[in-house]
Amino acid sequence: WEQSFEELLLLAKANGGAAHVPRGDSERRALGSWCGTQKGLEKKGELRADRQDRLREIGFVFDPFETAWGQSLEELRLFAKAN
């Protein structure tokens, strides 16, 4: 787990804080699979809390749809406030 986390951390730093492995990234296929496993464990409530915290601290997104919805809602709030 630690080795994959460190690899993801380096990727996030290189990508300006984005701890994300694109689906078609053939160079990081194993890391992408590991990320998918972490998402699955979190969804089932089986990922240890300390690991969830560490992943979130580096910008790991467990549910990209929920994150996108939250960002859109915030943009709407800002728009409504400005207009």
C-alpha atoms as a PDB file:
ATOM      1  CA  TRP A   1       0.000   0.000   0.000  1.00  0.00           C
ATOM      2  CA  GLU A   2       2.763   2.446   0.949  1.00  0.00           C
ATOM      3  CA  GLN A   3       4.638   2.004  -2.321  1.00  0.00           C
ATOM      4  CA  SER A   4       1.547   2.739  -4.410  1.00  0.00           C
ATOM      5  CA  PHE A   5       0.617   5.670  -2.180  1.00  0.00           C
ATOM      6  CA  GLU A   6       4.080   7.171  -2.638  1.00  0.00           C
ATOM      7  CA  GLU A   7       3.816   6.719  -6.407  1.00  0.00           C
ATOM      8  CA  LEU A   8       0.433   8.469  -6.391  1.00  0.00           C
ATOM      9  CA  LEU A   9       1.837  11.248  -4.207  1.00  0.00           C
ATOM     10  CA  LEU A  10       4.647  11.876  -6.704  1.00  0.00           C
ATOM     11  CA  LEU A  11       2.141  11.913  -9.549  1.00  0.00           C
ATOM     12  CA  ALA A  12      -0.056  14.400  -7.679  1.00  0.00           C
ATOM     13  CA  LYS A  13       2.902  16.706  -7.047  1.00  0.00           C
ATOM     14  CA  ALA A  14       3.898  16.527 -10.714  1.00  0.00           C
ATOM     15  CA  ASN A  15       0.314  17.316 -11.795  1.00  0.00           C
ATOM     16  CA  GLY A  16      -0.214  20.329  -9.574  1.00  0.00           C
ATOM     17  CA  GLY A  17      -2.095  18.450  -6.877  1.00  0.00           C
ATOM     18  CA  ALA A  18      -4.232  16.169  -9.043  1.00  0.00           C
ATOM     19  CA  ALA A  19      -4.037  12.664  -7.562  1.00  0.00           C
ATOM     20  CA  HIS A  20      -5.676  11.065 -10.581  1.00  0.00           C
ATOM     21  CA  VAL A  21      -4.565   8.344 -12.983  1.00  0.00           C
ATOM     22  CA  PRO A  22      -6.397   8.620 -16.326  1.00  0.00           C
ATOM     23  CA  ARG A  23      -8.158   5.431 -17.390  1.00  0.00           C
ATOM     24  CA  GLY A  24      -6.111   4.963 -20.567  1.00  0.00           C
ATOM     25  CA  ASP A  25      -2.687   5.616 -18.976  1.00  0.00           C
ATOM     26  CA  SER A  26      -0.796   2.498 -20.064  1.00  0.00           C
ATOM     27  CA  GLU A  27       2.381   3.566 -18.224  1.00  0.00           C
ATOM     28  CA  ARG A  28       0.563   3.611 -14.902  1.00  0.00           C
ATOM     29  CA  ARG A  29      -1.852   0.724 -15.366  1.00  0.00           C
ATOM     30  CA  ALA A  30      -0.921  -0.899 -12.036  1.00  0.00           C
ATOM     31  CA  LEU A  31      -1.321   2.399 -10.170  1.00  0.00           C
ATOM     32  CA  GLY A  32      -4.684   2.975 -11.842  1.00  0.00           C
ATOM     33  CA  SER A  33      -5.815  -0.471 -10.749  1.00  0.00           C
ATOM     34  CA  TRP A  34      -4.651   0.246  -7.199  1.00  0.00           C
ATOM     35  CA  CYS A  35      -6.633   3.502  -7.197  1.00  0.00           C
ATOM     36  CA  GLY A  36      -9.723   1.647  -8.368  1.00  0.00           C
ATOM     37  CA  THR A  37      -9.276  -0.843  -5.543  1.00  0.00           C
ATOM     38  CA  GLN A  38      -9.069   1.991  -2.995  1.00  0.00           C
ATOM     39  CA  LYS A  39     -12.286   3.512  -4.363  1.00  0.00           C
ATOM     40  CA  GLY A  40     -14.030   0.148  -4.168  1.00  0.00           C
ATOM     41  CA  LEU A  41     -12.885  -0.467  -0.605  1.00  0.00           C
ATOM     42  CA  GLU A  42     -14.022   3.003   0.459  1.00  0.00           C
ATOM     43  CA  LYS A  43     -17.420   2.517  -1.151  1.00  0.00           C
ATOM     44  CA  LYS A  44     -17.901  -0.766   0.748  1.00  0.00           C
ATOM     45  CA  GLY A  45     -16.737   0.841   4.007  1.00  0.00           C
ATOM     46  CA  GLU A  46     -13.665  -1.401   4.132  1.00  0.00           C
ATOM     47  CA  LEU A  47     -10.878   1.164   3.639  1.00  0.00           C
ATOM     48  CA  ARG A  48      -9.174   2.078   6.896  1.00  0.00           C
ATOM     49  CA  ALA A  49      -9.934   5.622   8.067  1.00  0.00           C
ATOM     50  CA  ASP A  50      -6.258   6.578   8.249  1.00  0.00           C
ATOM     51  CA  ARG A  51      -5.769   5.552   4.635  1.00  0.00           C
ATOM     52  CA  GLN A  52      -8.862   7.482   3.540  1.00  0.00           C
ATOM     53  CA  ASP A  53      -7.490  10.547   5.308  1.00  0.00           C
ATOM     54  CA  ARG A  54      -4.067  10.221   3.713  1.00  0.00           C
ATOM     55  CA  LEU A  55      -5.558   9.815   0.252  1.00  0.00           C
ATOM     56  CA  ARG A  56      -7.850  12.821   0.701  1.00  0.00           C
ATOM     57  CA  GLU A  57      -4.925  14.916   1.947  1.00  0.00           C
ATOM     58  CA  ILE A  58      -3.186  14.510  -1.415  1.00  0.00           C
ATOM     59  CA  GLY A  59      -6.300  15.285  -3.443  1.00  0.00           C
ATOM     60  CA  PHE A  60      -7.533  11.771  -4.169  1.00  0.00           C
ATOM     61  CA  VAL A  61     -11.169  11.784  -5.276  1.00  0.00           C
ATOM     62  CA  PHE A  62     -13.210   8.747  -4.259  1.00  0.00           C
ATOM     63  CA  ASP A  63     -16.357   9.778  -6.157  1.00  0.00           C
ATOM     64  CA  PRO A  64     -15.653  12.033  -9.165  1.00  0.00           C
ATOM     65  CA  PHE A  65     -19.379  12.548  -9.839  1.00  0.00           C
ATOM     66  CA  GLU A  66     -20.003  13.843  -6.333  1.00  0.00           C
ATOM     67  CA  THR A  67     -16.986  16.141  -6.609  1.00  0.00           C
ATOM     68  CA  ALA A  68     -18.116  17.507  -9.973  1.00  0.00           C
ATOM     69  CA  TRP A  69     -21.635  18.091  -8.631  1.00  0.00           C
ATOM     70  CA  GLY A  70     -20.263  19.996  -5.641  1.00  0.00           C
ATOM     71  CA  GLN A  71     -18.088  22.160  -7.872  1.00  0.00           C
ATOM     72  CA  SER A  72     -21.015  22.946 -10.162  1.00  0.00           C
ATOM     73  CA  LEU A  73     -23.190  23.855  -7.188  1.00  0.00           C
ATOM     74  CA  GLU A  74     -20.537  26.251  -5.906  1.00  0.00           C
ATOM     75  CA  GLU A  75     -20.247  27.866  -9.348  1.00  0.00           C
ATOM     76  CA  LEU A  76     -24.025  28.319  -9.411  1.00  0.00           C
ATOM     77  CA  ARG A  77     -23.955  29.935  -5.969  1.00  0.00           C
ATOM     78  CA  LEU A  78     -21.246  32.350  -7.075  1.00  0.00           C
ATOM     79  CA  PHE A  79     -23.160  33.183 -10.241  1.00  0.00           C
ATOM     80  CA  ALA A  80     -26.381  33.798  -8.312  1.00  0.00           C
ATOM     81  CA  LYS A  81     -24.564  36.011  -5.826  1.00  0.00           C
ATOM     82  CA  ALA A  82     -22.944  38.070  -8.602  1.00  0.00           C
ATOM     83  CA  ASN A  83     -26.191  38.490 -10.536  1.00  0.00           C
END
